[in-house]
C-alpha atoms as a PDB file:
ATOM      1  CA  MET A   1    -168.918 294.553 -88.500  1.00  0.00           C
ATOM      2  CA  ALA A   2    -170.157 296.341 -84.870  1.00  0.00           C
ATOM      3  CA  LEU A   3    -169.412 293.219 -82.807  1.00  0.00           C
ATOM      4  CA  ILE A   4    -165.875 292.508 -84.632  1.00  0.00           C
ATOM      5  CA  LYS A   5    -164.123 296.334 -84.192  1.00  0.00           C
ATOM      6  CA  ASN A   6    -165.836 298.933 -81.999  1.00  0.00           C
ATOM      7  CA  GLY A   7    -166.447 301.883 -83.525  1.00  0.00           C
ATOM      8  CA  THR A   8    -167.649 301.416 -86.787  1.00  0.00           C
ATOM      9  CA  LEU A   9    -171.004 300.296 -88.398  1.00  0.00           C
ATOM     10  CA  GLY A  10    -173.787 300.313 -86.265  1.00  0.00           C
ATOM     11  CA  GLY A  11    -177.134 298.722 -85.552  1.00  0.00           C
ATOM     12  CA  GLY A  12    -178.743 301.124 -87.349  1.00  0.00           C
ATOM     13  CA  ASP A  13    -176.443 301.538 -90.152  1.00  0.00           C
ATOM     14  CA  ILE A  14    -177.004 297.468 -91.016  1.00  0.00           C
ATOM     15  CA  LYS A  15    -180.552 297.560 -90.620  1.00  0.00           C
ATOM     16  CA  LEU A  16    -181.420 300.427 -93.171  1.00  0.00           C
ATOM     17  CA  VAL A  17    -178.856 298.809 -96.064  1.00  0.00           C
ATOM     18  CA  GLY A  18    -180.354 295.456 -94.944  1.00  0.00           C
ATOM     19  CA  ALA A  19    -184.001 296.705 -95.230  1.00  0.00           C
ATOM     20  CA  CYS A  20    -183.655 299.508 -98.088  1.00  0.00           C
ATOM     21  CA  SER A  21    -181.574 296.715-100.597  1.00  0.00           C
ATOM     22  CA  PHE A  22    -184.353 293.682 -99.626  1.00  0.00           C
ATOM     23  CA  TYR A  23    -187.074 296.296-100.660  1.00  0.00           C
ATOM     24  CA  LEU A  24    -184.866 297.815-104.007  1.00  0.00           C
ATOM     25  CA  GLY A  25    -183.632 294.365-104.693  1.00  0.00           C
ATOM     26  CA  ILE A  26    -179.950 293.806-105.360  1.00  0.00           C
ATOM     27  CA  SER A  27    -178.837 297.099-107.789  1.00  0.00           C
ATOM     28  CA  GLY A  28    -180.766 298.967-106.161  1.00  0.00           C
ATOM     29  CA  GLY A  29    -179.231 298.520-102.775  1.00  0.00           C
ATOM     30  CA  LEU A  30    -176.016 298.627-104.338  1.00  0.00           C
ATOM     31  CA  LEU A  31    -176.463 301.700-106.108  1.00  0.00           C
ATOM     32  CA  GLY A  32    -178.541 303.659-102.765  1.00  0.00           C
ATOM     33  CA  SER A  33    -175.146 302.380-100.809  1.00  0.00           C
ATOM     34  CA  SER A  34    -172.945 303.522-103.414  1.00  0.00           C
ATOM     35  CA  LEU A  35    -174.779 307.153-103.556  1.00  0.00           C
ATOM     36  CA  GLY A  36    -174.762 307.398-100.013  1.00  0.00           C
ATOM     37  CA  LEU A  37    -170.813 306.483 -99.721  1.00  0.00           C
ATOM     38  CA  VAL A  38    -170.043 309.268-102.878  1.00  0.00           C
ATOM     39  CA  PHE A  39    -172.860 311.789-100.494  1.00  0.00           C
ATOM     40  CA  THR A  40    -171.021 311.221 -97.117  1.00  0.00           C
ATOM     41  CA  ILE A  41    -167.282 311.584 -98.908  1.00  0.00           C
ATOM     42  CA  LEU A  42    -167.970 314.641-100.307  1.00  0.00           C
ATOM     43  CA  VAL A  43    -169.948 316.487 -98.053  1.00  0.00           C
ATOM     44  CA  ASN A  44    -167.650 315.653 -95.378  1.00  0.00           C
ATOM     45  CA  VAL A  45    -164.381 316.369 -97.286  1.00  0.00           C
ATOM     46  CA  LEU A  46    -166.090 319.683 -97.949  1.00  0.00           C
ATOM     47  CA  TYR A  47    -166.711 320.805 -94.995  1.00  0.00           C
ATOM     48  CA  PHE A  48    -163.961 319.712 -92.936  1.00  0.00           C
ATOM     49  CA  SER A  49    -162.234 321.484 -95.613  1.00  0.00           C
ATOM     50  CA  TYR A  50    -164.052 324.533 -95.226  1.00  0.00           C
ATOM     51  CA  LYS A  51    -163.256 324.307 -91.432  1.00  0.00           C
ATOM     52  CA  GLY A  52    -160.090 323.797 -91.678  1.00  0.00           C
ATOM     53  CA  LEU A  53    -160.166 320.499 -89.621  1.00  0.00           C
ATOM     54  CA  ASP A  54    -157.714 317.391 -90.268  1.00  0.00           C
ATOM     55  CA  ASP A  55    -159.183 314.913 -88.165  1.00  0.00           C
ATOM     56  CA  ILE A  56    -162.382 314.080 -89.433  1.00  0.00           C
ATOM     57  CA  GLY A  57    -163.467 312.048 -86.694  1.00  0.00           C
ATOM     58  CA  LYS A  58    -166.584 309.946 -86.288  1.00  0.00           C
ATOM     59  CA  PHE A  59    -170.330 311.371 -88.259  1.00  0.00           C
ATOM     60  CA  PRO A  60    -173.127 309.365 -88.607  1.00  0.00           C
ATOM     61  CA  LEU A  61    -173.787 307.718 -91.960  1.00  0.00           C
ATOM     62  CA  VAL A  62    -177.260 306.805 -91.751  1.00  0.00           C
ATOM     63  CA  PRO A  63    -178.610 310.325 -92.938  1.00  0.00           C
ATOM     64  CA  TYR A  64    -176.334 309.807 -96.508  1.00  0.00           C
ATOM     65  CA  LEU A  65    -177.551 306.551 -96.571  1.00  0.00           C
ATOM     66  CA  GLY A  66    -180.679 306.765 -96.641  1.00  0.00           C
ATOM     67  CA  GLY A  67    -180.154 310.097 -99.481  1.00  0.00           C
ATOM     68  CA  GLY A  68    -178.994 307.796-101.384  1.00  0.00           C
ATOM     69  CA  TYR A  69    -181.371 305.436-101.187  1.00  0.00           C
ATOM     70  CA  TRP A  70    -184.127 307.801-101.628  1.00  0.00           C
ATOM     71  CA  VAL A  71    -182.123 308.988-105.053  1.00  0.00           C
ATOM     72  CA  VAL A  72    -182.575 305.767-106.177  1.00  0.00           C
ATOM     73  CA  VAL A  73    -186.201 305.498-105.487  1.00  0.00           C
ATOM     74  CA  LEU A  74    -187.064 308.718-107.215  1.00  0.00           C
ATOM     75  CA  CYS A  75    -185.344 307.744-110.471  1.00  0.00           C
ATOM     76  CA  VAL A  76    -186.455 304.407-110.519  1.00  0.00           C
END
């Protein structure tokens, strides 16, 4: 995706998802990715609504994906 459209998922996001999905398997990888994306939505919507900003803009995705995978590793 980073090669197709500029400003989307970068190399770090893709490498993290690939490595964690390889380690956790298909179901763990999907669950970790889903949890990470839910964390991303919740945190950014709450933060930007608290700050009163209309345009969310760009933000790093790796910390949220890492948190989602970390929850899966601890719970499974």
